[in-house]
């Protein structure tokens, strides 16, 4: 996938042209444009899921801080750091 195509796909998801260009220019060394685009989509999905979970937990009286700590520790266990 070309950088231009990845930028257009990010723009279709609501990113500004400058932000999308910046993301694709500053991708991790060695990553293809397709890999970088997929990484941004995964991050977007995680943020959306966190937002939904946060509002759900808030509605049930649990604090967002507890949820954030749980997700942070879960992320650390996945990365092995």
N, C-alpha and C. Protein backbone atom coordinates (compact mmCIF):
# COMPACT_ATOMS: atom_id res chain seq x y z
N UNK A 1 0.85 -1.16 0.00
CA UNK A 1 0.00 0.00 0.00
C UNK A 1 0.90 1.23 0.00
N UNK A 2 0.56 2.18 -0.80
CA UNK A 2 1.36 3.40 -0.85
C UNK A 2 1.01 4.29 0.35
N UNK A 3 1.93 5.19 0.67
CA UNK A 3 1.68 6.12 1.78
C UNK A 3 0.47 6.98 1.47
N UNK A 4 0.33 7.38 0.21
CA UNK A 4 -0.79 8.22 -0.18
C UNK A 4 -2.12 7.49 0.06
N UNK A 5 -2.17 6.23 -0.26
CA UNK A 5 -3.39 5.43 -0.05
C UNK A 5 -3.70 5.30 1.45
N UNK A 6 -2.66 5.04 2.24
CA UNK A 6 -2.86 4.92 3.69
C UNK A 6 -3.36 6.24 4.28
N UNK A 7 -2.81 7.36 3.79
CA UNK A 7 -3.26 8.68 4.26
C UNK A 7 -4.73 8.88 3.90
N UNK A 8 -5.12 8.53 2.69
CA UNK A 8 -6.51 8.69 2.28
C UNK A 8 -7.44 7.83 3.13
N UNK A 9 -7.01 6.61 3.46
CA UNK A 9 -7.83 5.74 4.31
C UNK A 9 -7.96 6.31 5.72
N UNK A 10 -6.86 6.87 6.25
CA UNK A 10 -6.95 7.50 7.56
C UNK A 10 -7.85 8.73 7.53
N UNK A 11 -7.78 9.49 6.44
CA UNK A 11 -8.65 10.66 6.30
C UNK A 11 -10.12 10.23 6.25
N UNK A 12 -10.40 9.09 5.63
CA UNK A 12 -11.77 8.59 5.56
C UNK A 12 -12.28 8.21 6.95
N UNK A 13 -11.35 7.92 7.87
CA UNK A 13 -11.73 7.57 9.24
C UNK A 13 -11.80 8.79 10.14
N UNK A 14 -11.59 9.98 9.59
CA UNK A 14 -11.76 11.21 10.36
C UNK A 14 -10.50 11.94 10.75
N UNK A 15 -9.33 11.44 10.35
CA UNK A 15 -8.09 12.14 10.64
C UNK A 15 -7.94 13.31 9.67
N UNK A 16 -7.32 14.40 10.13
CA UNK A 16 -7.04 15.50 9.22
C UNK A 16 -5.92 15.09 8.28
N UNK A 17 -5.79 15.77 7.17
CA UNK A 17 -4.74 15.45 6.20
C UNK A 17 -3.35 15.59 6.84
N UNK A 18 -3.15 16.67 7.60
CA UNK A 18 -1.84 16.89 8.22
C UNK A 18 -1.53 15.81 9.25
N UNK A 19 -2.53 15.44 10.06
CA UNK A 19 -2.31 14.41 11.07
C UNK A 19 -2.02 13.06 10.42
N UNK A 20 -2.79 12.71 9.42
CA UNK A 20 -2.58 11.43 8.72
C UNK A 20 -1.21 11.39 8.06
N UNK A 21 -0.81 12.48 7.41
CA UNK A 21 0.52 12.53 6.78
C UNK A 21 1.61 12.40 7.83
N UNK A 22 1.43 13.08 8.96
CA UNK A 22 2.42 13.00 10.03
C UNK A 22 2.56 11.60 10.58
N UNK A 23 1.43 10.92 10.78
CA UNK A 23 1.47 9.55 11.29
C UNK A 23 2.20 8.63 10.32
N UNK A 24 1.91 8.76 9.06
CA UNK A 24 2.52 7.86 8.09
C UNK A 24 3.99 8.20 7.83
N UNK A 25 4.37 9.44 8.00
CA UNK A 25 5.78 9.79 7.83
C UNK A 25 6.62 9.33 9.02
N UNK A 26 6.01 9.31 10.20
CA UNK A 26 6.75 8.98 11.43
C UNK A 26 6.48 7.56 11.91
N UNK A 27 6.23 6.68 10.98
CA UNK A 27 5.98 5.28 11.36
C UNK A 27 7.27 4.64 11.85
N UNK A 28 7.12 3.50 12.51
CA UNK A 28 8.28 2.80 13.06
C UNK A 28 9.21 2.36 11.92
N UNK A 29 10.52 2.44 12.14
CA UNK A 29 11.47 2.01 11.10
C UNK A 29 11.26 0.54 10.76
N UNK A 30 11.22 0.26 9.49
CA UNK A 30 11.06 -1.12 9.03
C UNK A 30 9.62 -1.52 8.80
N UNK A 31 8.67 -0.73 9.29
CA UNK A 31 7.26 -1.05 9.06
C UNK A 31 6.84 -0.61 7.67
N UNK A 32 6.03 -1.43 7.04
CA UNK A 32 5.46 -1.01 5.76
C UNK A 32 4.31 -0.07 6.04
N UNK A 33 3.84 0.59 5.01
CA UNK A 33 2.70 1.49 5.17
C UNK A 33 1.47 0.72 5.65
N UNK A 34 1.31 -0.49 5.14
CA UNK A 34 0.17 -1.32 5.54
C UNK A 34 0.24 -1.68 7.02
N UNK A 35 1.43 -2.05 7.49
CA UNK A 35 1.60 -2.38 8.91
C UNK A 35 1.32 -1.17 9.79
N UNK A 36 1.80 -0.01 9.39
CA UNK A 36 1.57 1.20 10.17
C UNK A 36 0.09 1.55 10.19
N UNK A 37 -0.57 1.44 9.05
CA UNK A 37 -2.01 1.73 8.97
C UNK A 37 -2.78 0.79 9.89
N UNK A 38 -2.46 -0.50 9.86
CA UNK A 38 -3.14 -1.47 10.73
C UNK A 38 -2.87 -1.18 12.20
N UNK A 39 -1.67 -0.73 12.53
CA UNK A 39 -1.35 -0.40 13.92
C UNK A 39 -2.22 0.76 14.40
N UNK A 40 -2.40 1.77 13.56
CA UNK A 40 -3.23 2.91 13.94
C UNK A 40 -4.69 2.48 14.09
N UNK A 41 -5.15 1.58 13.23
CA UNK A 41 -6.52 1.09 13.36
C UNK A 41 -6.70 0.30 14.65
N UNK A 42 -5.70 -0.52 15.01
CA UNK A 42 -5.79 -1.28 16.26
C UNK A 42 -5.85 -0.33 17.45
N UNK A 43 -5.02 0.69 17.43
CA UNK A 43 -5.03 1.67 18.52
C UNK A 43 -6.37 2.38 18.60
N UNK A 44 -6.92 2.70 17.45
CA UNK A 44 -8.22 3.37 17.41
C UNK A 44 -9.30 2.46 18.00
N UNK A 45 -9.26 1.18 17.66
CA UNK A 45 -10.24 0.23 18.20
C UNK A 45 -10.10 0.09 19.71
N UNK A 46 -8.87 0.06 20.19
CA UNK A 46 -8.64 -0.04 21.63
C UNK A 46 -9.17 1.19 22.34
N UNK A 47 -8.91 2.36 21.77
CA UNK A 47 -9.41 3.60 22.39
C UNK A 47 -10.93 3.62 22.39
N UNK A 48 -11.56 3.18 21.31
CA UNK A 48 -13.01 3.12 21.26
C UNK A 48 -13.56 2.15 22.29
N UNK A 49 -12.91 1.00 22.41
CA UNK A 49 -13.35 0.00 23.39
C UNK A 49 -13.17 0.54 24.80
N UNK A 50 -12.07 1.23 25.06
CA UNK A 50 -11.83 1.80 26.37
C UNK A 50 -12.90 2.83 26.70
N UNK A 51 -13.26 3.63 25.72
CA UNK A 51 -14.30 4.64 25.94
C UNK A 51 -15.64 3.99 26.26
N UNK A 52 -15.99 2.93 25.53
CA UNK A 52 -17.25 2.23 25.81
C UNK A 52 -17.22 1.56 27.17
N UNK A 53 -16.11 0.90 27.49
CA UNK A 53 -15.99 0.24 28.79
C UNK A 53 -16.02 1.25 29.93
N UNK A 54 -15.36 2.36 29.73
CA UNK A 54 -15.31 3.39 30.76
C UNK A 54 -16.72 3.90 31.06
N UNK A 55 -17.49 4.18 30.02
CA UNK A 55 -18.85 4.67 30.26
C UNK A 55 -19.71 3.59 30.88
N UNK A 56 -19.49 2.35 30.48
CA UNK A 56 -20.25 1.23 31.06
C UNK A 56 -19.92 1.09 32.54
N UNK A 57 -18.63 1.12 32.88
CA UNK A 57 -18.23 1.01 34.28
C UNK A 57 -18.72 2.20 35.09
N UNK A 58 -18.70 3.37 34.48
CA UNK A 58 -19.19 4.56 35.17
C UNK A 58 -20.67 4.40 35.50
N UNK A 59 -21.40 3.86 34.55
CA UNK A 59 -22.83 3.65 34.77
C UNK A 59 -23.09 2.65 35.89
N UNK A 60 -22.18 1.73 36.09
CA UNK A 60 -22.33 0.74 37.15
C UNK A 60 -21.60 1.12 38.42
N UNK A 61 -21.07 2.33 38.48
CA UNK A 61 -20.50 2.84 39.72
C UNK A 61 -19.02 2.57 39.93
N UNK A 62 -18.39 1.89 39.03
CA UNK A 62 -16.95 1.65 39.18
C UNK A 62 -16.20 2.86 38.64
N UNK A 63 -15.07 3.16 39.21
CA UNK A 63 -14.33 4.32 38.76
C UNK A 63 -13.52 4.01 37.52
N UNK A 64 -13.29 5.03 36.72
CA UNK A 64 -12.48 4.87 35.51
C UNK A 64 -11.02 4.61 35.87
N UNK A 65 -10.61 5.08 37.05
CA UNK A 65 -9.24 4.86 37.49
C UNK A 65 -8.95 3.37 37.67
N UNK A 66 -9.88 2.65 38.27
CA UNK A 66 -9.71 1.21 38.47
C UNK A 66 -9.63 0.51 37.12
N UNK A 67 -10.49 0.92 36.20
CA UNK A 67 -10.48 0.33 34.86
C UNK A 67 -9.16 0.61 34.15
N UNK A 68 -8.68 1.84 34.26
CA UNK A 68 -7.43 2.21 33.59
C UNK A 68 -6.26 1.39 34.16
N UNK A 69 -6.22 1.23 35.48
CA UNK A 69 -5.15 0.44 36.08
C UNK A 69 -5.21 -1.02 35.64
N UNK A 70 -6.42 -1.56 35.55
CA UNK A 70 -6.57 -2.94 35.11
C UNK A 70 -6.12 -3.11 33.67
N UNK A 71 -6.52 -2.18 32.81
CA UNK A 71 -6.12 -2.26 31.40
C UNK A 71 -4.62 -2.05 31.25
N UNK A 72 -4.05 -1.17 32.06
CA UNK A 72 -2.61 -0.93 32.00
C UNK A 72 -1.85 -2.18 32.40
N UNK A 73 -2.27 -2.84 33.48
CA UNK A 73 -1.57 -4.06 33.90
C UNK A 73 -1.77 -5.18 32.89
N UNK A 74 -2.95 -5.23 32.27
CA UNK A 74 -3.19 -6.22 31.23
C UNK A 74 -2.28 -5.98 30.03
N UNK A 75 -2.12 -4.71 29.64
CA UNK A 75 -1.23 -4.37 28.54
C UNK A 75 0.21 -4.72 28.86
N UNK A 76 0.63 -4.48 30.11
CA UNK A 76 2.00 -4.83 30.50
C UNK A 76 2.21 -6.33 30.44
N UNK A 77 1.20 -7.10 30.82
CA UNK A 77 1.35 -8.56 30.78
C UNK A 77 1.43 -9.07 29.34
N UNK A 78 0.74 -8.38 28.41
CA UNK A 78 0.79 -8.78 27.01
C UNK A 78 2.15 -8.51 26.38
N UNK A 79 2.73 -7.38 26.75
CA UNK A 79 4.03 -7.01 26.16
C UNK A 79 5.19 -7.67 26.86
N UNK A 80 4.95 -8.17 28.08
CA UNK A 80 6.02 -8.84 28.81
C UNK A 80 7.02 -7.88 29.43
N UNK A 81 6.59 -6.64 29.65
CA UNK A 81 7.50 -5.63 30.24
C UNK A 81 7.16 -5.41 31.68
